[in-house]
Amino acid sequence: MMLELVFYGPLADLFGREKNYEVPDSAATIADLVAALTRQFPDAAGALGSERMSFAVDDQIVQASHGLNGLKRIEFFPPVSGG
């Protein structure tokens, strides 16, 4: 399955703003997708692995346990710090 991944913040610096990604057949959830991305792009492991990472599907924030079935686009929002 091909998904459009949209990255914000430092993840956009690593991946670019948008990326079409062929999801491995073994990935059933967003957490599985993050694990696959981390294996393929180890330099992004720290940013992708943050417990405070947020994900959006159809303009709704979802948990990492959200299933991938039927999805076309996932947005990745890394934690931000303000001052």
C-alpha atoms as a PDB file:
ATOM      1  CA  MET A   1       0.000   0.000   0.000  1.00  0.00           C
ATOM      2  CA  MET A   2       1.245   3.472  -0.879  1.00  0.00           C
ATOM      3  CA  LEU A   3       0.705   6.281   1.628  1.00  0.00           C
ATOM      4  CA  GLU A   4       1.348   9.996   1.415  1.00  0.00           C
ATOM      5  CA  LEU A   5       3.317  11.013   4.495  1.00  0.00           C
ATOM      6  CA  VAL A   6       3.440  14.693   5.474  1.00  0.00           C
ATOM      7  CA  PHE A   7       6.135  15.850   7.886  1.00  0.00           C
ATOM      8  CA  TYR A   8       6.424  19.016   9.951  1.00  0.00           C
ATOM      9  CA  GLY A   9       9.223  20.625  11.935  1.00  0.00           C
ATOM     10  CA  PRO A  10      12.565  18.820  12.079  1.00  0.00           C
ATOM     11  CA  LEU A  11      11.062  15.772  10.364  1.00  0.00           C
ATOM     12  CA  ALA A  12      10.495  17.884   7.241  1.00  0.00           C
ATOM     13  CA  ASP A  13      14.219  18.662   7.287  1.00  0.00           C
ATOM     14  CA  LEU A  14      14.985  14.935   7.336  1.00  0.00           C
ATOM     15  CA  PHE A  15      12.368  13.639   4.889  1.00  0.00           C
ATOM     16  CA  GLY A  16      11.121  16.653   2.973  1.00  0.00           C
ATOM     17  CA  ARG A  17       7.634  18.028   3.458  1.00  0.00           C
ATOM     18  CA  GLU A  18       5.796  15.220   1.652  1.00  0.00           C
ATOM     19  CA  LYS A  19       6.853  11.710   0.803  1.00  0.00           C
ATOM     20  CA  ASN A  20       5.081   8.855  -0.936  1.00  0.00           C
ATOM     21  CA  TYR A  21       5.993   5.701   0.932  1.00  0.00           C
ATOM     22  CA  GLU A  22       5.360   2.053   0.134  1.00  0.00           C
ATOM     23  CA  VAL A  23       4.244   0.595   3.454  1.00  0.00           C
ATOM     24  CA  PRO A  24       5.558  -2.902   4.239  1.00  0.00           C
ATOM     25  CA  ASP A  25       2.862  -5.577   4.260  1.00  0.00           C
ATOM     26  CA  SER A  26       3.695  -6.300   7.903  1.00  0.00           C
ATOM     27  CA  ALA A  27       2.669  -2.773   9.012  1.00  0.00           C
ATOM     28  CA  ALA A  28      -0.883  -2.704  10.371  1.00  0.00           C
ATOM     29  CA  THR A  29      -0.767   0.425  12.565  1.00  0.00           C
ATOM     30  CA  ILE A  30       0.895   3.828  12.591  1.00  0.00           C
ATOM     31  CA  ALA A  31       3.272   2.467  15.245  1.00  0.00           C
ATOM     32  CA  ASP A  32       4.292  -0.299  12.808  1.00  0.00           C
ATOM     33  CA  LEU A  33       4.813   2.328  10.108  1.00  0.00           C
ATOM     34  CA  VAL A  34       7.014   4.396  12.448  1.00  0.00           C
ATOM     35  CA  ALA A  35       9.056   1.278  13.251  1.00  0.00           C
ATOM     36  CA  ALA A  36       9.533   0.582   9.526  1.00  0.00           C
ATOM     37  CA  LEU A  37      10.571   4.189   8.871  1.00  0.00           C
ATOM     38  CA  THR A  38      13.024   4.022  11.782  1.00  0.00           C
ATOM     39  CA  ARG A  39      14.616   0.862  10.393  1.00  0.00           C
ATOM     40  CA  GLN A  40      14.883   2.350   6.904  1.00  0.00           C
ATOM     41  CA  PHE A  41      16.019   5.809   8.068  1.00  0.00           C
ATOM     42  CA  PRO A  42      18.051   5.316  11.276  1.00  0.00           C
ATOM     43  CA  ASP A  43      19.116   8.996  11.322  1.00  0.00           C
ATOM     44  CA  ALA A  44      15.476   9.873  12.007  1.00  0.00           C
ATOM     45  CA  ALA A  45      15.037   7.379  14.858  1.00  0.00           C
ATOM     46  CA  GLY A  46      15.297  10.015  17.597  1.00  0.00           C
ATOM     47  CA  ALA A  47      12.718  12.312  16.041  1.00  0.00           C
ATOM     48  CA  LEU A  48      10.351   9.537  14.985  1.00  0.00           C
ATOM     49  CA  GLY A  49      10.607   7.712  18.295  1.00  0.00           C
ATOM     50  CA  SER A  50       9.464  10.581  20.484  1.00  0.00           C
ATOM     51  CA  GLU A  51       6.662   9.593  22.849  1.00  0.00           C
ATOM     52  CA  ARG A  52       5.161  13.033  22.240  1.00  0.00           C
ATOM     53  CA  MET A  53       4.869  12.578  18.462  1.00  0.00           C
ATOM     54  CA  SER A  54       1.360  13.307  17.169  1.00  0.00           C
ATOM     55  CA  PHE A  55      -0.296  11.906  14.077  1.00  0.00           C
ATOM     56  CA  ALA A  56      -3.252  13.199  12.087  1.00  0.00           C
ATOM     57  CA  VAL A  57      -5.564  11.373   9.726  1.00  0.00           C
ATOM     58  CA  ASP A  58      -8.377  13.273   7.981  1.00  0.00           C
ATOM     59  CA  ASP A  59      -7.709  16.354  10.142  1.00  0.00           C
ATOM     60  CA  GLN A  60      -8.123  14.311  13.343  1.00  0.00           C
ATOM     61  CA  ILE A  61      -5.355  13.557  15.832  1.00  0.00           C
ATOM     62  CA  VAL A  62      -5.029   9.792  16.234  1.00  0.00           C
ATOM     63  CA  GLN A  63      -2.985   7.451  18.398  1.00  0.00           C
ATOM     64  CA  ALA A  64      -0.054   5.397  17.135  1.00  0.00           C
ATOM     65  CA  SER A  65      -2.283   2.331  17.513  1.00  0.00           C
ATOM     66  CA  HIS A  66      -4.554   3.641  14.710  1.00  0.00           C
ATOM     67  CA  GLY A  67      -4.857   1.137  11.868  1.00  0.00           C
ATOM     68  CA  LEU A  68      -3.504   1.830   8.395  1.00  0.00           C
ATOM     69  CA  ASN A  69      -6.257   0.045   6.490  1.00  0.00           C
ATOM     70  CA  GLY A  70      -7.934   2.426   4.057  1.00  0.00           C
ATOM     71  CA  LEU A  71      -5.654   5.377   4.805  1.00  0.00           C
ATOM     72  CA  LYS A  72      -4.166   7.523   2.066  1.00  0.00           C
ATOM     73  CA  ARG A  73      -2.364  10.228   4.067  1.00  0.00           C
ATOM     74  CA  ILE A  74      -0.791  10.568   7.524  1.00  0.00           C
ATOM     75  CA  GLU A  75       0.630  13.768   8.971  1.00  0.00           C
ATOM     76  CA  PHE A  76       3.494  13.617  11.492  1.00  0.00           C
ATOM     77  CA  PHE A  77       3.743  16.358  14.110  1.00  0.00           C
ATOM     78  CA  PRO A  78       6.898  16.196  16.236  1.00  0.00           C
ATOM     79  CA  PRO A  79       6.871  17.821  19.653  1.00  0.00           C
ATOM     80  CA  VAL A  80       7.767  21.491  19.662  1.00  0.00           C
ATOM     81  CA  SER A  81       9.312  23.657  22.307  1.00  0.00           C
ATOM     82  CA  GLY A  82       8.473  27.264  22.774  1.00  0.00           C
ATOM     83  CA  GLY A  83      10.004  30.093  24.643  1.00  0.00           C
END
